[in-house]
Amino acid sequence: MQSSNGRPRGDGGGPESATDHREGHAPEFTEASGGVRYDDPWYDALASGWGESGGAGGAVPIPEPAARPGRTEREDAAADVYLQVQRSAAFQEVRSRYRRFVVPACVAFFGWYVGYVVTATTAPGLMAQPVAGAVNVAMLAGLGQFLTTFLLTWAYARHARLRRDRAALELRWDTQELTRGIRGGAS
């Protein structure tokens, strides 16, 4: 087996030979015509917010994916289900709740981190001020970075559990039911 840059990989006995052990798996997960075939309906969908204009008060419609050779009508219909879900108000609400937490949290944490680094480099006298014994302001601020990381992780998990997980799970179930109906009950 060769890597993507044309150089041969190891002797074939390691993890680089994972494609050699795909017997028994569905053909849609095997390499087809020299490349990997993606049958994931999300693969053709644009990311949320991509392809949308910021002006004139509206979004540009997301183009339908072009039919790929070898795709069946059933696969196209399943891909349409995922696009419908992506365009739905429920999906947009879940994404909006995610962004409303993540963007401010990242900005605040990055600001706190940059403030710590800038203060440590520009005001070493302030950072060297003793607080209690051998503990100084720099040590407390450094430990505060770790504490902030853990608090932010906890807050993110709590926010996800309380504000997004139930809606995302409902979307997942709805999507699975719709695709199961298209695929004839098997899925």
N, C-alpha and C. Protein backbone atom coordinates (compact mmCIF):
# COMPACT_ATOMS: atom_id res chain seq x y z
N MET A 1 0.85 -1.17 0.00
CA MET A 1 0.00 0.00 0.00
C MET A 1 0.89 1.22 0.00
N GLN A 2 0.45 2.28 -0.69
CA GLN A 2 1.22 3.50 -0.74
C GLN A 2 0.49 4.61 -0.03
N SER A 3 1.25 5.56 0.47
CA SER A 3 0.64 6.72 1.10
C SER A 3 0.17 7.68 0.02
N SER A 4 -0.46 8.76 0.44
CA SER A 4 -1.01 9.70 -0.53
C SER A 4 0.06 10.42 -1.32
N ASN A 5 1.30 10.45 -0.82
CA ASN A 5 2.36 11.12 -1.57
C ASN A 5 3.14 10.14 -2.44
N GLY A 6 2.67 8.91 -2.58
CA GLY A 6 3.26 7.97 -3.50
C GLY A 6 4.36 7.11 -2.91
N ARG A 7 4.79 7.40 -1.70
CA ARG A 7 5.84 6.59 -1.09
C ARG A 7 5.25 5.35 -0.45
N PRO A 8 5.92 4.21 -0.55
CA PRO A 8 5.37 3.00 0.05
C PRO A 8 5.38 3.12 1.57
N ARG A 9 4.36 2.54 2.16
CA ARG A 9 4.29 2.49 3.63
C ARG A 9 5.01 1.26 4.11
N GLY A 10 4.96 1.01 5.38
CA GLY A 10 5.67 -0.10 6.01
C GLY A 10 5.45 -1.44 5.33
N ASP A 11 5.71 -2.53 6.06
CA ASP A 11 5.63 -3.87 5.50
C ASP A 11 4.20 -4.39 5.39
N GLY A 12 3.20 -3.61 5.79
CA GLY A 12 1.82 -4.04 5.66
C GLY A 12 1.29 -4.76 6.88
N GLY A 13 2.10 -4.88 7.93
CA GLY A 13 1.65 -5.60 9.10
C GLY A 13 1.11 -4.72 10.19
N GLY A 14 1.16 -3.42 10.01
CA GLY A 14 0.74 -2.50 11.06
C GLY A 14 -0.60 -1.87 10.77
N PRO A 15 -0.85 -0.75 11.43
CA PRO A 15 -2.15 -0.09 11.25
C PRO A 15 -2.35 0.47 9.85
N GLU A 16 -1.25 0.61 9.09
CA GLU A 16 -1.39 1.16 7.76
C GLU A 16 -2.08 0.18 6.81
N SER A 17 -2.26 -1.06 7.23
CA SER A 17 -2.91 -2.04 6.37
C SER A 17 -4.36 -2.29 6.78
N ALA A 18 -4.98 -1.30 7.41
CA ALA A 18 -6.36 -1.45 7.89
C ALA A 18 -7.33 -1.70 6.75
N THR A 19 -7.05 -1.17 5.57
CA THR A 19 -7.97 -1.38 4.44
C THR A 19 -7.92 -2.82 3.95
N ASP A 20 -6.86 -3.55 4.28
CA ASP A 20 -6.76 -4.93 3.84
C ASP A 20 -7.67 -5.84 4.66
N HIS A 21 -8.19 -5.37 5.79
CA HIS A 21 -8.97 -6.21 6.68
C HIS A 21 -10.44 -5.83 6.63
N ARG A 22 -10.95 -5.48 5.49
CA ARG A 22 -12.33 -5.03 5.38
C ARG A 22 -13.26 -6.09 4.83
N GLU A 23 -12.83 -7.32 4.77
CA GLU A 23 -13.71 -8.37 4.28
C GLU A 23 -14.90 -8.46 5.23
N GLY A 24 -16.07 -8.68 4.66
CA GLY A 24 -17.26 -8.84 5.47
C GLY A 24 -18.00 -7.53 5.71
N HIS A 25 -17.42 -6.40 5.33
CA HIS A 25 -18.09 -5.12 5.50
C HIS A 25 -18.85 -4.77 4.23
N ALA A 26 -19.80 -3.89 4.38
CA ALA A 26 -20.61 -3.48 3.23
C ALA A 26 -19.73 -2.82 2.17
N PRO A 27 -20.08 -2.97 0.90
CA PRO A 27 -19.25 -2.44 -0.17
C PRO A 27 -19.16 -0.92 -0.16
N GLU A 28 -20.11 -0.22 0.47
CA GLU A 28 -20.04 1.23 0.45
C GLU A 28 -18.90 1.76 1.32
N PHE A 29 -18.30 0.91 2.15
CA PHE A 29 -17.20 1.37 2.98
C PHE A 29 -15.84 0.93 2.43
N THR A 30 -15.82 0.28 1.32
CA THR A 30 -14.56 -0.16 0.75
C THR A 30 -14.07 0.85 -0.26
N GLU A 31 -12.82 0.71 -0.63
CA GLU A 31 -12.27 1.62 -1.62
C GLU A 31 -12.85 1.28 -2.99
N ALA A 32 -13.29 2.30 -3.69
CA ALA A 32 -13.88 2.10 -5.01
C ALA A 32 -13.12 2.97 -6.01
N SER A 33 -12.72 2.38 -7.09
CA SER A 33 -12.00 3.04 -8.18
C SER A 33 -10.83 3.88 -7.68
N GLY A 34 -10.06 3.32 -6.76
CA GLY A 34 -8.84 3.97 -6.30
C GLY A 34 -9.05 5.03 -5.24
N GLY A 35 -10.25 5.30 -4.82
CA GLY A 35 -10.49 6.31 -3.80
C GLY A 35 -11.55 5.83 -2.82
N VAL A 36 -11.66 6.50 -1.73
CA VAL A 36 -12.65 6.14 -0.74
C VAL A 36 -14.01 6.68 -1.18
N ARG A 37 -15.02 5.88 -1.06
CA ARG A 37 -16.37 6.29 -1.45
C ARG A 37 -17.11 6.71 -0.18
N TYR A 38 -17.63 7.91 -0.20
CA TYR A 38 -18.37 8.43 0.95
C TYR A 38 -19.86 8.31 0.69
N ASP A 39 -20.56 7.58 1.53
CA ASP A 39 -22.00 7.46 1.41
C ASP A 39 -22.70 8.20 2.53
N ASP A 40 -21.99 9.07 3.19
CA ASP A 40 -22.58 9.85 4.27
C ASP A 40 -23.38 11.00 3.67
N PRO A 41 -24.67 11.09 3.97
CA PRO A 41 -25.49 12.16 3.39
C PRO A 41 -25.00 13.55 3.78
N TRP A 42 -24.34 13.68 4.92
CA TRP A 42 -23.85 14.99 5.33
C TRP A 42 -22.66 15.42 4.50
N TYR A 43 -22.02 14.48 3.78
CA TYR A 43 -20.84 14.80 3.00
C TYR A 43 -21.14 15.83 1.92
N ASP A 44 -22.34 15.76 1.32
CA ASP A 44 -22.70 16.68 0.26
C ASP A 44 -23.29 17.99 0.78
N ALA A 45 -23.70 18.02 2.02
CA ALA A 45 -24.36 19.21 2.57
C ALA A 45 -23.33 20.25 2.98
N LEU A 46 -23.65 21.49 2.73
CA LEU A 46 -22.79 22.57 3.17
C LEU A 46 -22.94 22.74 4.67
N ALA A 47 -21.87 23.20 5.30
CA ALA A 47 -21.93 23.46 6.74
C ALA A 47 -22.90 24.60 7.00
N SER A 48 -23.49 24.58 8.16
CA SER A 48 -24.45 25.62 8.52
C SER A 48 -23.77 26.97 8.48
N GLY A 49 -24.36 27.90 7.75
CA GLY A 49 -23.78 29.23 7.63
C GLY A 49 -22.96 29.41 6.37
N TRP A 50 -22.52 28.33 5.76
CA TRP A 50 -21.72 28.43 4.54
C TRP A 50 -22.66 28.64 3.37
N GLY A 51 -22.28 29.47 2.46
CA GLY A 51 -23.10 29.73 1.29
C GLY A 51 -24.20 30.73 1.56
N GLU A 52 -24.16 31.34 2.74
CA GLU A 52 -25.15 32.34 3.08
C GLU A 52 -24.51 33.71 3.03
N SER A 53 -25.24 34.67 2.49
CA SER A 53 -24.70 36.02 2.44
C SER A 53 -25.03 36.74 3.73
N GLY A 54 -24.19 37.65 4.12
CA GLY A 54 -24.41 38.40 5.34
C GLY A 54 -25.26 39.63 5.11
N GLY A 55 -25.45 40.04 3.87
CA GLY A 55 -26.17 41.27 3.60
C GLY A 55 -27.54 41.03 3.02
N ALA A 56 -28.26 42.11 2.81
CA ALA A 56 -29.58 42.13 2.19
C ALA A 56 -30.61 41.34 2.99
N GLY A 57 -30.32 41.05 4.26
CA GLY A 57 -31.31 40.48 5.15
C GLY A 57 -31.74 39.07 4.85
N GLY A 58 -31.03 38.32 4.07
CA GLY A 58 -31.49 36.98 3.78
C GLY A 58 -30.36 36.05 3.43
N ALA A 59 -30.67 34.79 3.46
CA ALA A 59 -29.67 33.78 3.14
C ALA A 59 -29.84 33.34 1.69
N VAL A 60 -28.74 33.04 1.08
CA VAL A 60 -28.75 32.51 -0.26
C VAL A 60 -29.13 31.03 -0.15
N PRO A 61 -30.04 30.54 -0.99
CA PRO A 61 -30.42 29.14 -0.88
C PRO A 61 -29.22 28.23 -1.11
N ILE A 62 -29.17 27.16 -0.33
CA ILE A 62 -28.09 26.19 -0.46
C ILE A 62 -28.41 25.32 -1.67
N PRO A 63 -27.46 25.19 -2.60
CA PRO A 63 -27.74 24.40 -3.80
C PRO A 63 -27.90 22.93 -3.48
N GLU A 64 -28.73 22.28 -4.23
CA GLU A 64 -28.92 20.83 -4.08
C GLU A 64 -27.65 20.12 -4.54
N PRO A 65 -27.28 19.03 -3.90
CA PRO A 65 -26.09 18.31 -4.34
C PRO A 65 -26.31 17.69 -5.70
N ALA A 66 -25.27 17.73 -6.50
CA ALA A 66 -25.36 17.13 -7.83
C ALA A 66 -25.39 15.62 -7.69
N ALA A 67 -26.18 14.98 -8.53
CA ALA A 67 -26.26 13.52 -8.48
C ALA A 67 -24.92 12.93 -8.90
N ARG A 68 -24.41 12.06 -8.06
CA ARG A 68 -23.15 11.40 -8.38
C ARG A 68 -23.45 10.11 -9.14
N PRO A 69 -22.58 9.76 -10.05
CA PRO A 69 -22.80 8.50 -10.76
C PRO A 69 -22.75 7.33 -9.77
N GLY A 70 -23.65 6.41 -9.93
CA GLY A 70 -23.66 5.22 -9.08
C GLY A 70 -24.57 5.38 -7.87
N ARG A 71 -25.16 6.55 -7.66
CA ARG A 71 -26.08 6.73 -6.53
C ARG A 71 -27.48 6.37 -6.97
N THR A 72 -28.17 5.70 -6.09
CA THR A 72 -29.54 5.30 -6.39
C THR A 72 -30.50 6.40 -5.96
N GLU A 73 -31.73 6.29 -6.40
CA GLU A 73 -32.76 7.25 -5.99
C GLU A 73 -32.97 7.20 -4.49
N ARG A 74 -32.83 6.02 -3.93
CA ARG A 74 -33.01 5.85 -2.49
C ARG A 74 -31.94 6.62 -1.72
N GLU A 75 -30.70 6.56 -2.19
CA GLU A 75 -29.61 7.31 -1.55
C GLU A 75 -29.81 8.81 -1.70
N ASP A 76 -30.27 9.24 -2.88
CA ASP A 76 -30.56 10.66 -3.09
C ASP A 76 -31.67 11.13 -2.16
N ALA A 77 -32.69 10.29 -1.98
CA ALA A 77 -33.79 10.66 -1.09
C ALA A 77 -33.31 10.76 0.36
N ALA A 78 -32.43 9.85 0.77
CA ALA A 78 -31.88 9.91 2.12
C ALA A 78 -31.04 11.18 2.30
N ALA A 79 -30.29 11.55 1.29
CA ALA A 79 -29.50 12.78 1.37
C ALA A 79 -30.42 14.00 1.47
N ASP A 80 -31.55 13.97 0.77
CA ASP A 80 -32.52 15.06 0.85
C ASP A 80 -33.11 15.19 2.25
N VAL A 81 -33.29 14.06 2.93
CA VAL A 81 -33.80 14.10 4.30
C VAL A 81 -32.83 14.86 5.19
N TYR A 82 -31.54 14.57 5.06
CA TYR A 82 -30.55 15.26 5.89
C TYR A 82 -30.49 16.75 5.57
N LEU A 83 -30.64 17.08 4.30
CA LEU A 83 -30.66 18.51 3.94
C LEU A 83 -31.90 19.20 4.50
N GLN A 84 -33.03 18.51 4.48
CA GLN A 84 -34.24 19.09 5.06
C GLN A 84 -34.08 19.31 6.55
N VAL A 85 -33.47 18.35 7.22
CA VAL A 85 -33.24 18.49 8.67
C VAL A 85 -32.29 19.65 8.92
N GLN A 86 -31.24 19.77 8.12
CA GLN A 86 -30.28 20.85 8.31
C GLN A 86 -30.95 22.22 8.14
N ARG A 87 -31.90 22.32 7.25
CA ARG A 87 -32.59 23.59 7.00
C ARG A 87 -33.74 23.84 7.97
N SER A 88 -34.07 22.87 8.79
CA SER A 88 -35.22 23.00 9.68
C SER A 88 -34.96 24.01 10.79
N ALA A 89 -36.04 24.55 11.32
CA ALA A 89 -35.94 25.52 12.41
C ALA A 89 -35.37 24.88 13.68
N ALA A 90 -35.71 23.61 13.92
CA ALA A 90 -35.21 22.92 15.11
C ALA A 90 -33.68 22.77 15.06
N PHE A 91 -33.16 22.40 13.91
CA PHE A 91 -31.71 22.25 13.75
C PHE A 91 -31.02 23.61 13.91
N GLN A 92 -31.59 24.64 13.31
CA GLN A 92 -31.00 25.97 13.41
C GLN A 92 -31.03 26.46 14.85
N GLU A 93 -32.06 26.10 15.60
CA GLU A 93 -32.13 26.48 17.01
C GLU A 93 -31.04 25.79 17.83
N VAL A 94 -30.80 24.51 17.57
CA VAL A 94 -29.74 23.79 18.27
C VAL A 94 -28.39 24.43 17.96
N ARG A 95 -28.15 24.73 16.68
CA ARG A 95 -26.88 25.37 16.30
C ARG A 95 -26.76 26.75 16.94
N SER A 96 -27.85 27.49 16.99
CA SER A 96 -27.85 28.82 17.57
C SER A 96 -27.53 28.76 19.07
N ARG A 97 -28.14 27.81 19.78
CA ARG A 97 -27.84 27.64 21.21
C ARG A 97 -26.38 27.29 21.43
N TYR A 98 -25.85 26.45 20.56
CA TYR A 98 -24.43 26.07 20.64
C TYR A 98 -23.55 27.30 20.47
N ARG A 99 -23.82 28.07 19.43
CA ARG A 99 -23.00 29.26 19.16
C ARG A 99 -23.12 30.31 20.27
N ARG A 100 -24.33 30.47 20.81
CA ARG A 100 -24.52 31.48 21.87
C ARG A 100 -23.72 31.16 23.11
N PHE A 101 -23.39 29.90 23.33
CA PHE A 101 -22.53 29.57 24.47
C PHE A 101 -21.06 29.55 24.09
N VAL A 102 -20.73 28.89 23.00
CA VAL A 102 -19.34 28.63 22.65
C VAL A 102 -18.59 29.90 22.28
N VAL A 103 -19.17 30.76 21.47
CA VAL A 103 -18.44 31.95 21.02
C VAL A 103 -18.06 32.86 22.19
N PRO A 104 -18.99 33.26 23.06
CA PRO A 104 -18.58 34.09 24.19
C PRO A 104 -17.61 33.39 25.14
N ALA A 105 -17.82 32.09 25.36
CA ALA A 105 -16.94 31.35 26.26
C ALA A 105 -15.51 31.30 25.71
N CYS A 106 -15.37 31.06 24.41
CA CYS A 106 -14.03 31.02 23.80
C CYS A 106 -13.37 32.40 23.84
N VAL A 107 -14.14 33.45 23.54
CA VAL A 107 -13.58 34.81 23.57
C VAL A 107 -13.13 35.16 24.98
N ALA A 108 -13.96 34.85 25.98
CA ALA A 108 -13.61 35.16 27.38
C ALA A 108 -12.38 34.38 27.82
N PHE A 109 -12.34 33.09 27.50
CA PHE A 109 -11.19 32.29 27.94
C PHE A 109 -9.92 32.73 27.22
N PHE A 110 -10.02 32.99 25.93
CA PHE A 110 -8.84 33.43 25.19
C PHE A 110 -8.35 34.78 25.72
N GLY A 111 -9.29 35.67 26.03
CA GLY A 111 -8.91 36.96 26.62
C GLY A 111 -8.22 36.79 27.96
N TRP A 112 -8.72 35.91 28.79
CA TRP A 112 -8.12 35.62 30.09
C TRP A 112 -6.73 35.04 29.91
N TYR A 113 -6.56 34.14 28.96
CA TYR A 113 -5.24 33.54 28.72
C TYR A 113 -4.25 34.58 28.20
N VAL A 114 -4.66 35.37 27.21
CA VAL A 114 -3.77 36.40 26.66
C VAL A 114 -3.44 37.43 27.73
N GLY A 115 -4.42 37.80 28.54
CA GLY A 115 -4.16 38.73 29.64
C GLY A 115 -3.12 38.18 30.61
N TYR A 116 -3.19 36.90 30.92
CA TYR A 116 -2.21 36.27 31.80
C TYR A 116 -0.82 36.31 31.18
N VAL A 117 -0.72 35.94 29.92
CA VAL A 117 0.59 35.91 29.26
C VAL A 117 1.16 37.32 29.13
N VAL A 118 0.35 38.28 28.71
CA VAL A 118 0.83 39.66 28.55
C VAL A 118 1.25 40.24 29.89
N THR A 119 0.47 40.00 30.93
CA THR A 119 0.83 40.51 32.25
C THR A 119 2.11 39.86 32.75
N ALA A 120 2.28 38.58 32.50
CA ALA A 120 3.49 37.88 32.94
C ALA A 120 4.73 38.43 32.25
N THR A 121 4.60 38.86 30.99
CA THR A 121 5.77 39.34 30.26
C THR A 121 6.00 40.83 30.44
N THR A 122 4.94 41.61 30.64
CA THR A 122 5.12 43.07 30.73
C THR A 122 5.18 43.59 32.15
N ALA A 123 4.66 42.86 33.11
CA ALA A 123 4.67 43.32 34.50
C ALA A 123 5.19 42.23 35.42
N PRO A 124 6.48 41.89 35.29
CA PRO A 124 7.00 40.82 36.15
C PRO A 124 7.00 41.19 37.63
N GLY A 125 7.08 42.48 37.93
CA GLY A 125 7.04 42.90 39.33
C GLY A 125 5.69 42.60 39.96
N LEU A 126 4.62 42.86 39.23
CA LEU A 126 3.28 42.55 39.73
C LEU A 126 3.10 41.05 39.94
N MET A 127 3.56 40.28 38.98
CA MET A 127 3.40 38.82 39.07
C MET A 127 4.25 38.22 40.18
N ALA A 128 5.32 38.91 40.56
CA ALA A 128 6.21 38.39 41.61
C ALA A 128 5.75 38.77 43.01
N GLN A 129 4.69 39.54 43.12
CA GLN A 129 4.19 39.95 44.44
C GLN A 129 3.78 38.71 45.24
N PRO A 130 4.33 38.57 46.45
CA PRO A 130 3.95 37.41 47.28
C PRO A 130 2.52 37.55 47.80
N VAL A 131 1.83 36.44 47.85
CA VAL A 131 0.46 36.41 48.36
C VAL A 131 0.43 35.74 49.73
N ALA A 132 1.02 34.55 49.80
CA ALA A 132 1.10 33.81 51.05
C ALA A 132 2.33 32.93 51.01
N GLY A 133 3.33 33.27 51.75
CA GLY A 133 4.56 32.49 51.78
C GLY A 133 5.25 32.52 50.43
N ALA A 134 5.49 31.35 49.85
CA ALA A 134 6.17 31.26 48.57
C ALA A 134 5.21 31.39 47.39
N VAL A 135 3.94 31.50 47.66
CA VAL A 135 2.94 31.60 46.59
C VAL A 135 2.83 33.07 46.18
N ASN A 136 2.99 33.31 44.88
CA ASN A 136 2.89 34.68 44.38
C ASN A 136 1.71 34.82 43.40
N VAL A 137 1.50 36.02 42.88
CA VAL A 137 0.38 36.29 41.98
C VAL A 137 0.47 35.43 40.73
N ALA A 138 1.66 35.24 40.18
CA ALA A 138 1.84 34.44 38.96
C ALA A 138 1.40 33.00 39.17
N MET A 139 1.74 32.44 40.34
CA MET A 139 1.34 31.05 40.61
C MET A 139 -0.18 30.95 40.73
N LEU A 140 -0.79 31.90 41.40
CA LEU A 140 -2.25 31.89 41.52
C LEU A 140 -2.93 32.05 40.16
N ALA A 141 -2.40 32.96 39.34
CA ALA A 141 -2.98 33.16 38.01
C ALA A 141 -2.79 31.90 37.15
N GLY A 142 -1.64 31.26 37.24
CA GLY A 142 -1.40 30.03 36.49
C GLY A 142 -2.32 28.91 36.92
N LEU A 143 -2.51 28.76 38.23
CA LEU A 143 -3.46 27.76 38.72
C LEU A 143 -4.88 28.15 38.34
N GLY A 144 -5.14 29.44 38.27
CA GLY A 144 -6.45 29.92 37.83
C GLY A 144 -6.75 29.51 36.39
N GLN A 145 -5.71 29.41 35.57
CA GLN A 145 -5.90 28.95 34.19
C GLN A 145 -6.45 27.52 34.18
N PHE A 146 -5.87 26.67 35.03
CA PHE A 146 -6.36 25.30 35.11
C PHE A 146 -7.78 25.26 35.66
N LEU A 147 -8.03 26.02 36.71
CA LEU A 147 -9.36 26.06 37.30
C LEU A 147 -10.39 26.55 36.28
N THR A 148 -10.03 27.57 35.53
CA THR A 148 -10.93 28.10 34.52
C THR A 148 -11.23 27.05 33.45
N THR A 149 -10.24 26.28 33.07
CA THR A 149 -10.44 25.22 32.08
C THR A 149 -11.45 24.20 32.58
N PHE A 150 -11.29 23.77 33.81
CA PHE A 150 -12.22 22.79 34.37
C PHE A 150 -13.63 23.38 34.52
N LEU A 151 -13.71 24.63 34.97
CA LEU A 151 -15.02 25.27 35.10
C LEU A 151 -15.70 25.44 33.75
N LEU A 152 -14.95 25.81 32.75
CA LEU A 152 -15.50 25.98 31.41
C LEU A 152 -15.98 24.64 30.84
N THR A 153 -15.23 23.59 31.10
CA THR A 153 -15.65 22.26 30.64
C THR A 153 -16.94 21.85 31.33
N TRP A 154 -17.03 22.07 32.62
CA TRP A 154 -18.25 21.75 33.37
C TRP A 154 -19.43 22.57 32.84
N ALA A 155 -19.21 23.87 32.64
CA ALA A 155 -20.28 24.74 32.16
C ALA A 155 -20.75 24.32 30.77
N TYR A 156 -19.81 23.93 29.90
CA TYR A 156 -20.18 23.48 28.56
C TYR A 156 -21.02 22.22 28.63
N ALA A 157 -20.59 21.25 29.43
CA ALA A 157 -21.34 20.00 29.55
C ALA A 157 -22.73 20.25 30.13
N ARG A 158 -22.82 21.12 31.11
CA ARG A 158 -24.11 21.45 31.72
C ARG A 158 -25.02 22.15 30.71
N HIS A 159 -24.47 23.10 29.98
CA HIS A 159 -25.25 23.80 28.97
C HIS A 159 -25.75 22.84 27.90
N ALA A 160 -24.88 21.96 27.46
CA ALA A 160 -25.28 20.98 26.44
C ALA A 160 -26.39 20.08 26.98
N ARG A 161 -26.24 19.61 28.21
CA ARG A 161 -27.24 18.72 28.79
C ARG A 161 -28.59 19.41 28.95
N LEU A 162 -28.57 20.66 29.42
CA LEU A 162 -29.82 21.36 29.72
C LEU A 162 -30.46 22.03 28.51
N ARG A 163 -29.67 22.46 27.53
CA ARG A 163 -30.21 23.31 26.47
C ARG A 163 -30.17 22.70 25.07
N ARG A 164 -29.32 21.66 24.85
CA ARG A 164 -29.20 21.17 23.47
C ARG A 164 -29.42 19.68 23.31
N ASP A 165 -29.05 18.88 24.28
CA ASP A 165 -29.05 17.43 24.08
C ASP A 165 -30.43 16.88 23.75
N ARG A 166 -31.47 17.31 24.45
CA ARG A 166 -32.81 16.77 24.20
C ARG A 166 -33.26 17.12 22.78
N ALA A 167 -33.06 18.39 22.38
CA ALA A 167 -33.47 18.80 21.03
C ALA A 167 -32.65 18.06 19.96
N ALA A 168 -31.35 17.88 20.21
CA ALA A 168 -30.51 17.17 19.25
C ALA A 168 -30.92 15.70 19.16
N LEU A 169 -31.28 15.11 20.28
CA LEU A 169 -31.72 13.72 20.26
C LEU A 169 -33.04 13.57 19.50
N GLU A 170 -33.94 14.52 19.70
CA GLU A 170 -35.20 14.48 18.95
C GLU A 170 -34.95 14.61 17.45
N LEU A 171 -34.02 15.49 17.07
CA LEU A 171 -33.66 15.61 15.65
C LEU A 171 -33.08 14.31 15.12
N ARG A 172 -32.24 13.68 15.90
CA ARG A 172 -31.64 12.42 15.47
C ARG A 172 -32.70 11.36 15.27
N TRP A 173 -33.64 11.25 16.21
CA TRP A 173 -34.71 10.25 16.06
C TRP A 173 -35.58 10.55 14.86
N ASP A 174 -35.94 11.82 14.68
CA ASP A 174 -36.75 12.18 13.52
C ASP A 174 -36.03 11.84 12.22
N THR A 175 -34.75 12.15 12.17
CA THR A 175 -33.96 11.87 10.96
C THR A 175 -33.88 10.38 10.70
N GLN A 176 -33.66 9.60 11.74
CA GLN A 176 -33.58 8.15 11.56
C GLN A 176 -34.92 7.58 11.10
N GLU A 177 -36.02 8.09 11.66
CA GLU A 177 -37.33 7.62 11.22
C GLU A 177 -37.59 7.95 9.76
N LEU A 178 -37.22 9.16 9.34
CA LEU A 178 -37.42 9.55 7.94
C LEU A 178 -36.57 8.71 7.01
N THR A 179 -35.30 8.49 7.36
CA THR A 179 -34.43 7.69 6.48
C THR A 179 -34.84 6.22 6.52
N ARG A 180 -35.33 5.74 7.65
CA ARG A 180 -35.79 4.36 7.73
C ARG A 180 -36.98 4.16 6.81
N GLY A 181 -37.88 5.15 6.74
CA GLY A 181 -39.03 5.07 5.83
C GLY A 181 -38.60 5.03 4.38
N ILE A 182 -37.55 5.79 4.04
CA ILE A 182 -37.06 5.79 2.66
C ILE A 182 -36.39 4.48 2.31
N ARG A 183 -35.65 3.95 3.24
CA ARG A 183 -34.89 2.72 2.97
C ARG A 183 -35.74 1.46 3.14
N GLY A 184 -37.00 1.63 3.41
CA GLY A 184 -37.89 0.48 3.48
C GLY A 184 -37.85 -0.26 4.80
N GLY A 185 -37.63 0.44 5.90
CA GLY A 185 -37.67 -0.19 7.20
C GLY A 185 -36.34 -0.77 7.65
N ALA A 186 -35.38 -0.90 6.78
CA ALA A 186 -34.07 -1.44 7.15
C ALA A 186 -33.11 -0.30 7.36
N SER A 187 -32.47 -0.27 8.50
CA SER A 187 -31.49 0.77 8.74
C SER A 187 -30.83 0.56 10.06
